[in-house]
């Protein structure tokens, strides 16, 4: 489980004639750090907390896809709060579509030049 409960401890100290009772409550913290979505590109992380609520303005596909794909198992991913499902359905920009078409043409030409023999 990625989240733990608050820990409560109490201790009694008797020294001479004075009795001291010490109580403390603590939230157990695990040392961690944060990184941007773009910094996480290419990394595999052990356990992550992700906030998929995007700021106002245009949404980049990378800002949603990268964090979801950084862990090996779904159990190692914790989505912090509810998010708008439409942020997962980002359409490519015109420039991205143009680049995909250019790459597809290269693939077709390469396959013509170097046919596979199977």
PDB file of N, CA and C in Angstrom:
ATOM      1  N   UNK A   1       0.848  -1.186   0.000  1.00  0.00           N
ATOM      2  CA  UNK A   1       0.000   0.000   0.000  1.00  0.00           C
ATOM      3  C   UNK A   1       0.885   1.238   0.000  1.00  0.00           C
ATOM      4  N   UNK A   2       0.603   2.197  -0.883  1.00  0.00           N
ATOM      5  CA  UNK A   2       1.440   3.380  -0.999  1.00  0.00           C
ATOM      6  C   UNK A   2       1.226   4.377   0.133  1.00  0.00           C
ATOM      7  N   UNK A   3       0.063   4.353   0.756  1.00  0.00           N
ATOM      8  CA  UNK A   3      -0.220   5.280   1.847  1.00  0.00           C
ATOM      9  C   UNK A   3      -0.250   4.520   3.160  1.00  0.00           C
ATOM     10  N   UNK A   4       0.325   5.104   4.190  1.00  0.00           N
ATOM     11  CA  UNK A   4       0.306   4.469   5.503  1.00  0.00           C
ATOM     12  C   UNK A   4      -0.504   5.317   6.466  1.00  0.00           C
ATOM     13  N   UNK A   5      -0.894   4.722   7.573  1.00  0.00           N
ATOM     14  CA  UNK A   5      -1.686   5.445   8.558  1.00  0.00           C
ATOM     15  C   UNK A   5      -0.783   6.269   9.464  1.00  0.00           C
ATOM     16  N   UNK A   6      -1.388   7.232  10.158  1.00  0.00           N
ATOM     17  CA  UNK A   6      -0.651   8.046  11.117  1.00  0.00           C
ATOM     18  C   UNK A   6      -0.215   7.163  12.281  1.00  0.00           C
ATOM     19  N   UNK A   7       1.020   7.331  12.721  1.00  0.00           N
ATOM     20  CA  UNK A   7       1.579   6.545  13.808  1.00  0.00           C
ATOM     21  C   UNK A   7       1.454   7.338  15.101  1.00  0.00           C
ATOM     22  N   UNK A   8       1.008   6.689  16.150  1.00  0.00           N
ATOM     23  CA  UNK A   8       0.881   7.334  17.457  1.00  0.00           C
ATOM     24  C   UNK A   8       1.693   6.536  18.467  1.00  0.00           C
ATOM     25  N   UNK A   9       2.553   7.221  19.222  1.00  0.00           N
ATOM     26  CA  UNK A   9       3.389   6.546  20.212  1.00  0.00           C
ATOM     27  C   UNK A   9       3.337   7.321  21.520  1.00  0.00           C
ATOM     28  N   UNK A  10       3.474   6.625  22.620  1.00  0.00           N
ATOM     29  CA  UNK A  10       3.523   7.261  23.939  1.00  0.00           C
ATOM     30  C   UNK A  10       4.620   6.600  24.751  1.00  0.00           C
ATOM     31  N   UNK A  11       5.226   7.381  25.632  1.00  0.00           N
ATOM     32  CA  UNK A  11       6.282   6.855  26.500  1.00  0.00           C
ATOM     33  C   UNK A  11       6.160   7.510  27.864  1.00  0.00           C
ATOM     34  N   UNK A  12       6.524   6.774  28.885  1.00  0.00           N
ATOM     35  CA  UNK A  12       6.526   7.321  30.244  1.00  0.00           C
ATOM     36  C   UNK A  12       7.953   7.289  30.765  1.00  0.00           C
ATOM     37  N   UNK A  13       8.358   8.382  31.358  1.00  0.00           N
ATOM     38  CA  UNK A  13       9.697   8.477  31.926  1.00  0.00           C
ATOM     39  C   UNK A  13       9.556   8.816  33.409  1.00  0.00           C
ATOM     40  N   UNK A  14      10.118   7.984  34.248  1.00  0.00           N
ATOM     41  CA  UNK A  14      10.089   8.257  35.692  1.00  0.00           C
ATOM     42  C   UNK A  14      11.523   8.528  36.124  1.00  0.00           C
ATOM     43  N   UNK A  15      11.763   9.748  36.547  1.00  0.00           N
ATOM     44  CA  UNK A  15      13.100  10.129  36.986  1.00  0.00           C
ATOM     45  C   UNK A  15      12.949  10.903  38.286  1.00  0.00           C
ATOM     46  N   UNK A  16      13.497  10.363  39.334  1.00  0.00           N
ATOM     47  CA  UNK A  16      13.385  10.937  40.674  1.00  0.00           C
ATOM     48  C   UNK A  16      11.924  11.036  41.067  1.00  0.00           C
ATOM     49  N   UNK A  17      11.504  12.173  41.533  1.00  0.00           N
ATOM     50  CA  UNK A  17      10.125  12.331  42.012  1.00  0.00           C
ATOM     51  C   UNK A  17       9.205  12.877  40.933  1.00  0.00           C
ATOM     52  N   UNK A  18       9.770  13.236  39.787  1.00  0.00           N
ATOM     53  CA  UNK A  18       8.966  13.843  38.727  1.00  0.00           C
ATOM     54  C   UNK A  18       8.587  12.781  37.699  1.00  0.00           C
ATOM     55  N   UNK A  19       7.320  12.743  37.371  1.00  0.00           N
ATOM     56  CA  UNK A  19       6.827  11.808  36.358  1.00  0.00           C
ATOM     57  C   UNK A  19       6.526  12.610  35.092  1.00  0.00           C
ATOM     58  N   UNK A  20       7.112  12.206  33.998  1.00  0.00           N
ATOM     59  CA  UNK A  20       6.910  12.901  32.725  1.00  0.00           C
ATOM     60  C   UNK A  20       6.255  11.932  31.748  1.00  0.00           C
ATOM     61  N   UNK A  21       5.193  12.390  31.107  1.00  0.00           N
ATOM     62  CA  UNK A  21       4.531  11.595  30.075  1.00  0.00           C
ATOM     63  C   UNK A  21       4.737  12.312  28.745  1.00  0.00           C
ATOM     64  N   UNK A  22       5.274  11.598  27.798  1.00  0.00           N
ATOM     65  CA  UNK A  22       5.526  12.174  26.477  1.00  0.00           C
ATOM     66  C   UNK A  22       4.660  11.433  25.467  1.00  0.00           C
ATOM     67  N   UNK A  23       3.915  12.199  24.690  1.00  0.00           N
ATOM     68  CA  UNK A  23       3.110  11.619  23.610  1.00  0.00           C
ATOM     69  C   UNK A  23       3.466  12.339  22.319  1.00  0.00           C
ATOM     70  N   UNK A  24       3.489  11.585  21.254  1.00  0.00           N
ATOM     71  CA  UNK A  24       3.726  12.221  19.961  1.00  0.00           C
ATOM     72  C   UNK A  24       2.909  11.522  18.894  1.00  0.00           C
ATOM     73  N   UNK A  25       2.524  12.285  17.932  1.00  0.00           N
ATOM     74  CA  UNK A  25       1.869  11.744  16.743  1.00  0.00           C
ATOM     75  C   UNK A  25       2.721  12.153  15.558  1.00  0.00           C
ATOM     76  N   UNK A  26       2.884  11.252  14.635  1.00  0.00           N
ATOM     77  CA  UNK A  26       3.713  11.562  13.474  1.00  0.00           C
ATOM     78  C   UNK A  26       3.112  10.938  12.231  1.00  0.00           C
ATOM     79  N   UNK A  27       3.288  11.597  11.166  1.00  0.00           N
ATOM     80  CA  UNK A  27       2.916  11.059   9.866  1.00  0.00           C
ATOM     81  C   UNK A  27       4.198  10.479   9.275  1.00  0.00           C
ATOM     82  N   UNK A  28       4.277   9.174   9.130  1.00  0.00           N
ATOM     83  CA  UNK A  28       5.523   8.594   8.619  1.00  0.00           C
ATOM     84  C   UNK A  28       5.754   9.025   7.173  1.00  0.00           C
ATOM     85  N   UNK A  29       6.844   9.686   6.945  1.00  0.00           N
ATOM     86  CA  UNK A  29       7.170  10.172   5.608  1.00  0.00           C
ATOM     87  C   UNK A  29       8.298   9.339   5.020  1.00  0.00           C
ATOM     88  N   UNK A  30       8.207   9.130   3.750  1.00  0.00           N
ATOM     89  CA  UNK A  30       9.244   8.412   3.028  1.00  0.00           C
ATOM     90  C   UNK A  30       9.993   9.445   2.196  1.00  0.00           C
ATOM     91  N   UNK A  31      11.320   9.484   2.283  1.00  0.00           N
ATOM     92  CA  UNK A  31      12.053  10.443   1.460  1.00  0.00           C
ATOM     93  C   UNK A  31      11.678  10.255  -0.013  1.00  0.00           C
ATOM     94  N   UNK A  32      11.402  11.344  -0.667  1.00  0.00           N
ATOM     95  CA  UNK A  32      10.973  11.275  -2.064  1.00  0.00           C
ATOM     96  C   UNK A  32      11.410  12.544  -2.783  1.00  0.00           C
ATOM     97  N   UNK A  33      11.146  12.583  -4.041  1.00  0.00           N
ATOM     98  CA  UNK A  33      11.413  13.778  -4.827  1.00  0.00           C
ATOM     99  C   UNK A  33      10.365  13.860  -5.917  1.00  0.00           C
ATOM    100  N   UNK A  34      10.306  15.001  -6.556  1.00  0.00           N
ATOM    101  CA  UNK A  34       9.352  15.136  -7.655  1.00  0.00           C
ATOM    102  C   UNK A  34      10.115  15.523  -8.916  1.00  0.00           C
ATOM    103  N   UNK A  35       9.543  15.139 -10.038  1.00  0.00           N
ATOM    104  CA  UNK A  35      10.128  15.490 -11.325  1.00  0.00           C
ATOM    105  C   UNK A  35       9.001  15.865 -12.268  1.00  0.00           C
ATOM    106  N   UNK A  36       9.354  16.565 -13.316  1.00  0.00           N
ATOM    107  CA  UNK A  36       8.351  16.928 -14.313  1.00  0.00           C
ATOM    108  C   UNK A  36       8.064  15.724 -15.204  1.00  0.00           C
ATOM    109  N   UNK A  37       6.969  15.809 -15.906  1.00  0.00           N
ATOM    110  CA  UNK A  37       6.595  14.750 -16.843  1.00  0.00           C
ATOM    111  C   UNK A  37       7.696  14.536 -17.879  1.00  0.00           C
ATOM    112  N   UNK A  38       8.229  15.635 -18.408  1.00  0.00           N
ATOM    113  CA  UNK A  38       9.253  15.508 -19.448  1.00  0.00           C
ATOM    114  C   UNK A  38      10.550  14.924 -18.895  1.00  0.00           C
ATOM    115  N   UNK A  39      10.863  15.213 -17.649  1.00  0.00           N
ATOM    116  CA  UNK A  39      12.062  14.647 -17.016  1.00  0.00           C
ATOM    117  C   UNK A  39      11.922  13.127 -16.855  1.00  0.00           C
ATOM    118  N   UNK A  40      10.687  12.653 -16.687  1.00  0.00           N
ATOM    119  CA  UNK A  40      10.462  11.217 -16.485  1.00  0.00           C
ATOM    120  C   UNK A  40      10.573  10.413 -17.779  1.00  0.00           C
ATOM    121  N   UNK A  41      10.634  11.088 -18.915  1.00  0.00           N
ATOM    122  CA  UNK A  41      10.682  10.403 -20.209  1.00  0.00           C
ATOM    123  C   UNK A  41      11.866   9.436 -20.251  1.00  0.00           C
ATOM    124  N   UNK A  42      11.581   8.188 -20.565  1.00  0.00           N
ATOM    125  CA  UNK A  42      12.620   7.174 -20.686  1.00  0.00           C
ATOM    126  C   UNK A  42      12.977   6.479 -19.385  1.00  0.00           C
ATOM    127  N   UNK A  43      12.399   6.912 -18.274  1.00  0.00           N
ATOM    128  CA  UNK A  43      12.714   6.301 -16.982  1.00  0.00           C
ATOM    129  C   UNK A  43      11.669   5.262 -16.604  1.00  0.00           C
ATOM    130  N   UNK A  44      12.105   4.256 -15.853  1.00  0.00           N
ATOM    131  CA  UNK A  44      11.184   3.325 -15.210  1.00  0.00           C
ATOM    132  C   UNK A  44      11.309   3.584 -13.724  1.00  0.00           C
ATOM    133  N   UNK A  45      10.190   3.892 -13.079  1.00  0.00           N
ATOM    134  CA  UNK A  45      10.199   4.252 -11.664  1.00  0.00           C
ATOM    135  C   UNK A  45       9.530   3.161 -10.843  1.00  0.00           C
ATOM    136  N   UNK A  46       9.939   3.037  -9.580  1.00  0.00           N
ATOM    137  CA  UNK A  46       9.410   1.960  -8.730  1.00  0.00           C
ATOM    138  C   UNK A  46       7.964   2.212  -8.327  1.00  0.00           C
ATOM    139  N   UNK A  47       7.686   3.338  -7.712  1.00  0.00           N
ATOM    140  CA  UNK A  47       6.331   3.681  -7.284  1.00  0.00           C
ATOM    141  C   UNK A  47       6.147   5.172  -7.517  1.00  0.00           C
ATOM    142  N   UNK A  48       4.986   5.549  -8.032  1.00  0.00           N
ATOM    143  CA  UNK A  48       4.775   6.975  -8.281  1.00  0.00           C
ATOM    144  C   UNK A  48       3.366   7.412  -7.896  1.00  0.00           C
ATOM    145  N   UNK A  49       3.283   8.672  -7.512  1.00  0.00           N
ATOM    146  CA  UNK A  49       2.023   9.370  -7.296  1.00  0.00           C
ATOM    147  C   UNK A  49       1.876  10.319  -8.473  1.00  0.00           C
ATOM    148  N   UNK A  50       0.731  10.308  -9.142  1.00  0.00           N
ATOM    149  CA  UNK A  50       0.533  11.125 -10.335  1.00  0.00           C
ATOM    150  C   UNK A  50      -0.705  11.990 -10.174  1.00  0.00           C
ATOM    151  N   UNK A  51      -0.569  13.254 -10.540  1.00  0.00           N
ATOM    152  CA  UNK A  51      -1.713  14.158 -10.587  1.00  0.00           C
ATOM    153  C   UNK A  51      -2.014  14.403 -12.059  1.00  0.00           C
ATOM    154  N   UNK A  52      -3.121  13.868 -12.544  1.00  0.00           N
ATOM    155  CA  UNK A  52      -3.467  13.988 -13.964  1.00  0.00           C
ATOM    156  C   UNK A  52      -4.381  15.174 -14.253  1.00  0.00           C
ATOM    157  N   UNK A  53      -4.632  16.007 -13.260  1.00  0.00           N
ATOM    158  CA  UNK A  53      -5.416  17.219 -13.504  1.00  0.00           C
ATOM    159  C   UNK A  53      -4.480  18.196 -14.203  1.00  0.00           C
ATOM    160  N   UNK A  54      -4.831  18.556 -15.419  1.00  0.00           N
ATOM    161  CA  UNK A  54      -3.957  19.405 -16.220  1.00  0.00           C
ATOM    162  C   UNK A  54      -4.306  20.872 -16.022  1.00  0.00           C
ATOM    163  N   UNK A  55      -3.316  21.756 -16.151  1.00  0.00           N
ATOM    164  CA  UNK A  55      -3.591  23.186 -16.019  1.00  0.00           C
ATOM    165  C   UNK A  55      -4.418  23.676 -17.201  1.00  0.00           C
ATOM    166  N   UNK A  56      -5.020  24.849 -17.074  1.00  0.00           N
ATOM    167  CA  UNK A  56      -5.808  25.388 -18.196  1.00  0.00           C
ATOM    168  C   UNK A  56      -4.931  25.556 -19.437  1.00  0.00           C
ATOM    169  N   UNK A  57      -5.546  25.453 -20.584  1.00  0.00           N
ATOM    170  CA  UNK A  57      -4.816  25.618 -21.838  1.00  0.00           C
ATOM    171  C   UNK A  57      -4.699  24.306 -22.574  1.00  0.00           C
ATOM    172  N   UNK A  58      -3.973  24.323 -23.686  1.00  0.00           N
ATOM    173  CA  UNK A  58      -3.826  23.104 -24.481  1.00  0.00           C
ATOM    174  C   UNK A  58      -3.106  22.011 -23.692  1.00  0.00           C
ATOM    175  N   UNK A  59      -3.544  20.788 -23.895  1.00  0.00           N
ATOM    176  CA  UNK A  59      -2.961  19.641 -23.195  1.00  0.00           C
ATOM    177  C   UNK A  59      -2.087  18.870 -24.171  1.00  0.00           C
ATOM    178  N   UNK A  60      -0.861  18.582 -23.750  1.00  0.00           N
ATOM    179  CA  UNK A  60       0.021  17.747 -24.558  1.00  0.00           C
ATOM    180  C   UNK A  60      -0.213  16.292 -24.187  1.00  0.00           C
ATOM    181  N   UNK A  61      -0.210  15.429 -25.166  1.00  0.00           N
ATOM    182  CA  UNK A  61      -0.383  14.001 -24.913  1.00  0.00           C
ATOM    183  C   UNK A  61       0.680  13.493 -23.945  1.00  0.00           C
ATOM    184  N   UNK A  62       1.889  14.010 -24.061  1.00  0.00           N
ATOM    185  CA  UNK A  62       2.986  13.569 -23.193  1.00  0.00           C
ATOM    186  C   UNK A  62       2.688  13.827 -21.729  1.00  0.00           C
ATOM    187  N   UNK A  63       1.976  14.900 -21.425  1.00  0.00           N
ATOM    188  CA  UNK A  63       1.724  15.235 -20.023  1.00  0.00           C
ATOM    189  C   UNK A  63       0.814  14.223 -19.345  1.00  0.00           C
ATOM    190  N   UNK A  64       0.123  13.408 -20.117  1.00  0.00           N
ATOM    191  CA  UNK A  64      -0.735  12.366 -19.546  1.00  0.00           C
ATOM    192  C   UNK A  64      -0.119  10.983 -19.757  1.00  0.00           C
ATOM    193  N   UNK A  65       0.381  10.712 -20.943  1.00  0.00           N
ATOM    194  CA  UNK A  65       0.907   9.379 -21.266  1.00  0.00           C
ATOM    195  C   UNK A  65       2.171   9.048 -20.473  1.00  0.00           C
ATOM    196  N   UNK A  66       3.132   9.954 -20.434  1.00  0.00           N
ATOM    197  CA  UNK A  66       4.411   9.652 -19.784  1.00  0.00           C
ATOM    198  C   UNK A  66       4.247   9.191 -18.345  1.00  0.00           C
ATOM    199  N   UNK A  67       3.530   9.940 -17.494  1.00  0.00           N
ATOM    200  CA  UNK A  67       3.452   9.478 -16.102  1.00  0.00           C
ATOM    201  C   UNK A  67       2.769   8.116 -15.958  1.00  0.00           C
ATOM    202  N   UNK A  68       1.778   7.836 -16.788  1.00  0.00           N
ATOM    203  CA  UNK A  68       1.069   6.557 -16.688  1.00  0.00           C
ATOM    204  C   UNK A  68       1.928   5.381 -17.137  1.00  0.00           C
ATOM    205  N   UNK A  69       2.935   5.653 -17.936  1.00  0.00           N
ATOM    206  CA  UNK A  69       3.741   4.565 -18.492  1.00  0.00           C
ATOM    207  C   UNK A  69       5.115   4.435 -17.832  1.00  0.00           C
ATOM    208  N   UNK A  70       5.328   5.065 -16.702  1.00  0.00           N
ATOM    209  CA  UNK A  70       6.644   5.033 -16.052  1.00  0.00           C
ATOM    210  C   UNK A  70       6.829   3.852 -15.103  1.00  0.00           C
ATOM    211  N   UNK A  71       5.766   3.167 -14.732  1.00  0.00           N
ATOM    212  CA  UNK A  71       5.872   2.036 -13.802  1.00  0.00           C
ATOM    213  C   UNK A  71       5.610   0.732 -14.549  1.00  0.00           C
ATOM    214  N   UNK A  72       6.103  -0.366 -13.977  1.00  0.00           N
ATOM    215  CA  UNK A  72       5.921  -1.672 -14.612  1.00  0.00           C
ATOM    216  C   UNK A  72       4.572  -2.288 -14.274  1.00  0.00           C
ATOM    217  N   UNK A  73       4.065  -1.982 -13.068  1.00  0.00           N
ATOM    218  CA  UNK A  73       2.813  -2.592 -12.625  1.00  0.00           C
ATOM    219  C   UNK A  73       1.812  -1.515 -12.224  1.00  0.00           C
ATOM    220  N   UNK A  74       0.565  -1.767 -12.481  1.00  0.00           N
ATOM    221  CA  UNK A  74      -0.494  -0.828 -12.121  1.00  0.00           C
ATOM    222  C   UNK A  74      -0.529  -0.582 -10.607  1.00  0.00           C
ATOM    223  N   UNK A  75      -0.179  -1.597  -9.815  1.00  0.00           N
ATOM    224  CA  UNK A  75      -0.178  -1.454  -8.353  1.00  0.00           C
ATOM    225  C   UNK A  75       0.837  -0.421  -7.869  1.00  0.00           C
ATOM    226  N   UNK A  76       1.814  -0.086  -8.691  1.00  0.00           N
ATOM    227  CA  UNK A  76       2.844   0.880  -8.304  1.00  0.00           C
ATOM    228  C   UNK A  76       2.487   2.307  -8.704  1.00  0.00           C
ATOM    229  N   UNK A  77       1.285   2.499  -9.203  1.00  0.00           N
ATOM    230  CA  UNK A  77       0.820   3.811  -9.656  1.00  0.00           C
ATOM    231  C   UNK A  77      -0.345   4.264  -8.789  1.00  0.00           C
ATOM    232  N   UNK A  78      -0.239   5.463  -8.242  1.00  0.00           N
ATOM    233  CA  UNK A  78      -1.338   6.033  -7.467  1.00  0.00           C
ATOM    234  C   UNK A  78      -1.734   7.353  -8.107  1.00  0.00           C
ATOM    235  N   UNK A  79      -2.967   7.430  -8.601  1.00  0.00           N
ATOM    236  CA  UNK A  79      -3.489   8.678  -9.163  1.00  0.00           C
ATOM    237  C   UNK A  79      -4.072   9.466  -8.000  1.00  0.00           C
ATOM    238  N   UNK A  80      -3.542  10.666  -7.774  1.00  0.00           N
ATOM    239  CA  UNK A  80      -3.805  11.447  -6.569  1.00  0.00           C
ATOM    240  C   UNK A  80      -5.252  11.906  -6.439  1.00  0.00           C
ATOM    241  N   UNK A  81      -5.873  12.316  -7.533  1.00  0.00           N
ATOM    242  CA  UNK A  81      -7.248  12.830  -7.455  1.00  0.00           C
ATOM    243  C   UNK A  81      -7.982  12.565  -8.765  1.00  0.00           C
ATOM    244  N   UNK A  82      -9.310  12.668  -8.729  1.00  0.00           N
ATOM    245  CA  UNK A  82     -10.082  12.462  -9.962  1.00  0.00           C
ATOM    246  C   UNK A  82      -9.644  13.452 -11.048  1.00  0.00           C
ATOM    247  N   UNK A  83      -9.717  13.008 -12.290  1.00  0.00           N
ATOM    248  CA  UNK A  83      -9.309  13.861 -13.407  1.00  0.00           C
ATOM    249  C   UNK A  83     -10.306  13.716 -14.543  1.00  0.00           C
ATOM    250  N   UNK A  84     -10.250  14.639 -15.469  1.00  0.00           N
ATOM    251  CA  UNK A  84     -11.142  14.647 -16.619  1.00  0.00           C
ATOM    252  C   UNK A  84     -10.668  13.586 -17.623  1.00  0.00           C
ATOM    253  N   UNK A  85     -11.509  12.599 -17.899  1.00  0.00           N
ATOM    254  CA  UNK A  85     -11.143  11.502 -18.793  1.00  0.00           C
ATOM    255  C   UNK A  85     -10.769  11.997 -20.193  1.00  0.00           C
ATOM    256  N   UNK A  86     -11.319  13.119 -20.602  1.00  0.00           N
ATOM    257  CA  UNK A  86     -11.016  13.630 -21.944  1.00  0.00           C
ATOM    258  C   UNK A  86      -9.533  13.983 -22.094  1.00  0.00           C
ATOM    259  N   UNK A  87      -8.821  14.188 -20.981  1.00  0.00           N
ATOM    260  CA  UNK A  87      -7.387  14.482 -21.086  1.00  0.00           C
ATOM    261  C   UNK A  87      -6.604  13.274 -21.605  1.00  0.00           C
ATOM    262  N   UNK A  88      -7.213  12.085 -21.572  1.00  0.00           N
ATOM    263  CA  UNK A  88      -6.572  10.892 -22.129  1.00  0.00           C
ATOM    264  C   UNK A  88      -6.835  10.750 -23.626  1.00  0.00           C
ATOM    265  N   UNK A  89      -7.705  11.575 -24.148  1.00  0.00           N
ATOM    266  CA  UNK A  89      -8.110  11.462 -25.547  1.00  0.00           C
ATOM    267  C   UNK A  89      -7.656  12.675 -26.353  1.00  0.00           C
ATOM    268  N   UNK A  90      -6.403  13.056 -26.197  1.00  0.00           N
ATOM    269  CA  UNK A  90      -5.851  14.216 -26.884  1.00  0.00           C
ATOM    270  C   UNK A  90      -5.566  13.850 -28.335  1.00  0.00           C
ATOM    271  N   UNK A  91      -6.023  14.685 -29.255  1.00  0.00           N
ATOM    272  CA  UNK A  91      -5.771  14.439 -30.678  1.00  0.00           C
ATOM    273  C   UNK A  91      -4.436  15.063 -31.075  1.00  0.00           C
ATOM    274  N   UNK A  92      -3.722  14.432 -32.000  1.00  0.00           N
ATOM    275  CA  UNK A  92      -2.443  14.993 -32.444  1.00  0.00           C
ATOM    276  C   UNK A  92      -2.648  16.334 -33.148  1.00  0.00           C
ATOM    277  N   UNK A  93      -1.655  17.196 -33.032  1.00  0.00           N
ATOM    278  CA  UNK A  93      -1.704  18.491 -33.711  1.00  0.00           C
ATOM    279  C   UNK A  93      -1.460  18.276 -35.208  1.00  0.00           C
ATOM    280  N   UNK A  94      -1.693  19.319 -35.990  1.00  0.00           N
ATOM    281  CA  UNK A  94      -1.456  19.241 -37.437  1.00  0.00           C
ATOM    282  C   UNK A  94       0.019  18.947 -37.715  1.00  0.00           C
ATOM    283  N   UNK A  95       0.902  19.569 -36.957  1.00  0.00           N
ATOM    284  CA  UNK A  95       2.341  19.340 -37.144  1.00  0.00           C
ATOM    285  C   UNK A  95       2.710  17.888 -36.819  1.00  0.00           C
ATOM    286  N   UNK A  96       2.102  17.335 -35.784  1.00  0.00           N
ATOM    287  CA  UNK A  96       2.374  15.937 -35.432  1.00  0.00           C
ATOM    288  C   UNK A  96       1.861  14.996 -36.517  1.00  0.00           C
ATOM    289  N   UNK A  97       0.688  15.270 -37.058  1.00  0.00           N
ATOM    290  CA  UNK A  97       0.141  14.441 -38.139  1.00  0.00           C
ATOM    291  C   UNK A  97       1.018  14.523 -39.383  1.00  0.00           C
ATOM    292  N   UNK A  98       1.516  15.713 -39.667  1.00  0.00           N
ATOM    293  CA  UNK A  98       2.401  15.897 -40.817  1.00  0.00           C
ATOM    294  C   UNK A  98       3.673  15.056 -40.644  1.00  0.00           C
ATOM    295  N   UNK A  99       4.222  15.056 -39.435  1.00  0.00           N
ATOM    296  CA  UNK A  99       5.428  14.265 -39.159  1.00  0.00           C
ATOM    297  C   UNK A  99       5.141  12.769 -39.254  1.00  0.00           C
ATOM    298  N   UNK A 100       4.003  12.322 -38.747  1.00  0.00           N
ATOM    299  CA  UNK A 100       3.632  10.908 -38.856  1.00  0.00           C
ATOM    300  C   UNK A 100       3.493  10.493 -40.317  1.00  0.00           C
ATOM    301  N   UNK A 101       2.883  11.339 -41.126  1.00  0.00           N
ATOM    302  CA  UNK A 101       2.748  11.042 -42.560  1.00  0.00           C
ATOM    303  C   UNK A 101       4.113  10.970 -43.233  1.00  0.00           C
ATOM    304  N   UNK A 102       5.014  11.891 -42.882  1.00  0.00           N
ATOM    305  CA  UNK A 102       6.365  11.887 -43.446  1.00  0.00           C
ATOM    306  C   UNK A 102       7.083  10.583 -43.086  1.00  0.00           C
ATOM    307  N   UNK A 103       6.972  10.171 -41.826  1.00  0.00           N
ATOM    308  CA  UNK A 103       7.621   8.929 -41.389  1.00  0.00           C
ATOM    309  C   UNK A 103       7.015   7.703 -42.068  1.00  0.00           C
ATOM    310  N   UNK A 104       5.705   7.702 -42.265  1.00  0.00           N
ATOM    311  CA  UNK A 104       5.051   6.583 -42.964  1.00  0.00           C
ATOM    312  C   UNK A 104       5.538   6.464 -44.400  1.00  0.00           C
ATOM    313  N   UNK A 105       5.754   7.602 -45.076  1.00  0.00           N
ATOM    314  CA  UNK A 105       6.282   7.578 -46.446  1.00  0.00           C
ATOM    315  C   UNK A 105       7.686   6.980 -46.462  1.00  0.00           C
ATOM    316  N   UNK A 106       8.488   7.323 -45.478  1.00  0.00           N
ATOM    317  CA  UNK A 106       9.843   6.763 -45.384  1.00  0.00           C
ATOM    318  C   UNK A 106       9.774   5.255 -45.180  1.00  0.00           C
ATOM    319  N   UNK A 107       8.858   4.804 -44.341  1.00  0.00           N
ATOM    320  CA  UNK A 107       8.689   3.361 -44.102  1.00  0.00           C
ATOM    321  C   UNK A 107       8.335   2.649 -45.406  1.00  0.00           C
ATOM    322  N   UNK A 108       7.385   3.195 -46.140  1.00  0.00           N
ATOM    323  CA  UNK A 108       6.947   2.584 -47.407  1.00  0.00           C
ATOM    324  C   UNK A 108       8.109   2.506 -48.390  1.00  0.00           C
ATOM    325  N   UNK A 109       8.867   3.609 -48.537  1.00  0.00           N
ATOM    326  CA  UNK A 109      10.006   3.626 -49.466  1.00  0.00           C
ATOM    327  C   UNK A 109      11.100   2.654 -49.027  1.00  0.00           C
ATOM    328  N   UNK A 110      11.342   2.562 -47.737  1.00  0.00           N
ATOM    329  CA  UNK A 110      12.363   1.643 -47.221  1.00  0.00           C
ATOM    330  C   UNK A 110      11.964   0.199 -47.496  1.00  0.00           C
ATOM    331  N   UNK A 111      10.702  -0.124 -47.294  1.00  0.00           N
ATOM    332  CA  UNK A 111      10.226  -1.495 -47.549  1.00  0.00           C
ATOM    333  C   UNK A 111      10.302  -1.844 -49.035  1.00  0.00           C
ATOM    334  N   UNK A 112      10.106  -0.856 -49.902  1.00  0.00           N
ATOM    335  CA  UNK A 112      10.232  -1.105 -51.345  1.00  0.00           C
ATOM    336  C   UNK A 112      11.687  -1.371 -51.710  1.00  0.00           C
ATOM    337  N   UNK A 113      12.599  -0.584 -51.114  1.00  0.00           N
ATOM    338  CA  UNK A 113      14.024  -0.736 -51.416  1.00  0.00           C
ATOM    339  C   UNK A 113      14.607  -2.013 -50.826  1.00  0.00           C
ATOM    340  N   UNK A 114      14.123  -2.406 -49.656  1.00  0.00           N
ATOM    341  CA  UNK A 114      14.677  -3.559 -48.948  1.00  0.00           C
ATOM    342  C   UNK A 114      13.564  -4.539 -48.588  1.00  0.00           C
ATOM    343  N   UNK A 115      13.041  -5.233 -49.583  1.00  0.00           N
ATOM    344  CA  UNK A 115      11.959  -6.176 -49.285  1.00  0.00           C
ATOM    345  C   UNK A 115      12.475  -7.335 -48.427  1.00  0.00           C
ATOM    346  N   UNK A 116      11.622  -7.790 -47.560  1.00  0.00           N
ATOM    347  CA  UNK A 116      12.008  -8.916 -46.701  1.00  0.00           C
ATOM    348  C   UNK A 116      11.685 -10.218 -47.408  1.00  0.00           C
ATOM    349  N   UNK A 117      12.504 -11.204 -47.154  1.00  0.00           N
ATOM    350  CA  UNK A 117      12.254 -12.531 -47.723  1.00  0.00           C
ATOM    351  C   UNK A 117      11.909 -13.461 -46.576  1.00  0.00           C
ATOM    352  N   UNK A 118      10.651 -13.835 -46.503  1.00  0.00           N
ATOM    353  CA  UNK A 118      10.225 -14.743 -45.434  1.00  0.00           C
ATOM    354  C   UNK A 118       9.618 -15.989 -45.997  1.00  0.00           C
TER     355      UNK A 118
END
